[in-house]
Amino acid sequence: MGTTDPGPAGRGKWLRRFGWLLAIWLASVGALFAVALVFRWLMRAVGLTAP
């Protein structure tokens, strides 16, 4: 049987995967924010503002 400690190479792989996950999540949140801003500006342009 092998050991449960992944060693330095295993930790680096995990950190790289977590970094990609974080980068993709941040990009998706940023894209959603940009789309929301565009919709907000369009709604204001046609007069659909909240009281």
C-alpha atoms as a PDB file:
ATOM      1  CA  MET A   1       0.000   0.000   0.000  1.00  0.00           C
ATOM      2  CA  GLY A   2       1.069   3.586  -0.634  1.00  0.00           C
ATOM      3  CA  THR A   3       1.281   6.401   1.830  1.00  0.00           C
ATOM      4  CA  THR A   4      -1.484   8.949   2.267  1.00  0.00           C
ATOM      5  CA  ASP A   5       0.914  11.896   2.020  1.00  0.00           C
ATOM      6  CA  PRO A   6       0.871  13.104  -1.618  1.00  0.00           C
ATOM      7  CA  GLY A   7       4.281  14.732  -1.262  1.00  0.00           C
ATOM      8  CA  PRO A   8       5.371  18.056  -2.760  1.00  0.00           C
ATOM      9  CA  ALA A   9       4.313  17.151  -6.310  1.00  0.00           C
ATOM     10  CA  GLY A  10       0.816  16.189  -5.169  1.00  0.00           C
ATOM     11  CA  ARG A  11       0.375  19.407  -3.232  1.00  0.00           C
ATOM     12  CA  GLY A  12       1.444  21.481  -6.219  1.00  0.00           C
ATOM     13  CA  LYS A  13      -1.065  19.726  -8.440  1.00  0.00           C
ATOM     14  CA  TRP A  14      -3.823  20.354  -5.884  1.00  0.00           C
ATOM     15  CA  LEU A  15      -2.907  24.034  -5.602  1.00  0.00           C
ATOM     16  CA  ARG A  16      -2.851  24.406  -9.394  1.00  0.00           C
ATOM     17  CA  ARG A  17      -6.303  22.816  -9.672  1.00  0.00           C
ATOM     18  CA  PHE A  18      -7.642  25.034  -6.909  1.00  0.00           C
ATOM     19  CA  GLY A  19      -6.115  28.070  -8.631  1.00  0.00           C
ATOM     20  CA  TRP A  20      -7.874  27.197 -11.883  1.00  0.00           C
ATOM     21  CA  LEU A  21     -11.155  26.673 -10.035  1.00  0.00           C
ATOM     22  CA  LEU A  22     -10.791  30.053  -8.356  1.00  0.00           C
ATOM     23  CA  ALA A  23      -9.849  31.775 -11.631  1.00  0.00           C
ATOM     24  CA  ILE A  24     -12.828  30.295 -13.496  1.00  0.00           C
ATOM     25  CA  TRP A  25     -15.181  31.201 -10.656  1.00  0.00           C
ATOM     26  CA  LEU A  26     -13.887  34.797 -10.538  1.00  0.00           C
ATOM     27  CA  ALA A  27     -14.204  35.104 -14.327  1.00  0.00           C
ATOM     28  CA  SER A  28     -17.793  33.860 -14.247  1.00  0.00           C
ATOM     29  CA  VAL A  29     -18.743  36.229 -11.418  1.00  0.00           C
ATOM     30  CA  GLY A  30     -17.105  39.108 -13.297  1.00  0.00           C
ATOM     31  CA  ALA A  31     -18.953  38.223 -16.507  1.00  0.00           C
ATOM     32  CA  LEU A  32     -22.262  38.031 -14.648  1.00  0.00           C
ATOM     33  CA  PHE A  33     -21.559  41.431 -13.073  1.00  0.00           C
ATOM     34  CA  ALA A  34     -20.794  42.938 -16.497  1.00  0.00           C
ATOM     35  CA  VAL A  35     -24.007  41.543 -18.001  1.00  0.00           C
ATOM     36  CA  ALA A  36     -26.010  42.856 -15.040  1.00  0.00           C
ATOM     37  CA  LEU A  37     -24.509  46.328 -15.521  1.00  0.00           C
ATOM     38  CA  VAL A  38     -25.364  46.325 -19.224  1.00  0.00           C
ATOM     39  CA  PHE A  39     -28.960  45.354 -18.462  1.00  0.00           C
ATOM     40  CA  ARG A  40     -29.143  48.051 -15.791  1.00  0.00           C
ATOM     41  CA  TRP A  41     -27.890  50.708 -18.218  1.00  0.00           C
ATOM     42  CA  LEU A  42     -30.318  49.537 -20.916  1.00  0.00           C
ATOM     43  CA  MET A  43     -33.249  49.634 -18.492  1.00  0.00           C
ATOM     44  CA  ARG A  44     -32.314  53.150 -17.413  1.00  0.00           C
ATOM     45  CA  ALA A  45     -31.971  54.233 -21.050  1.00  0.00           C
ATOM     46  CA  VAL A  46     -35.567  53.202 -21.819  1.00  0.00           C
ATOM     47  CA  GLY A  47     -36.940  54.675 -18.588  1.00  0.00           C
ATOM     48  CA  LEU A  48     -37.398  51.561 -16.472  1.00  0.00           C
ATOM     49  CA  THR A  49     -36.122  52.837 -13.141  1.00  0.00           C
ATOM     50  CA  ALA A  50     -37.287  51.821  -9.701  1.00  0.00           C
ATOM     51  CA  PRO A  51     -39.029  54.495  -7.646  1.00  0.00           C
END
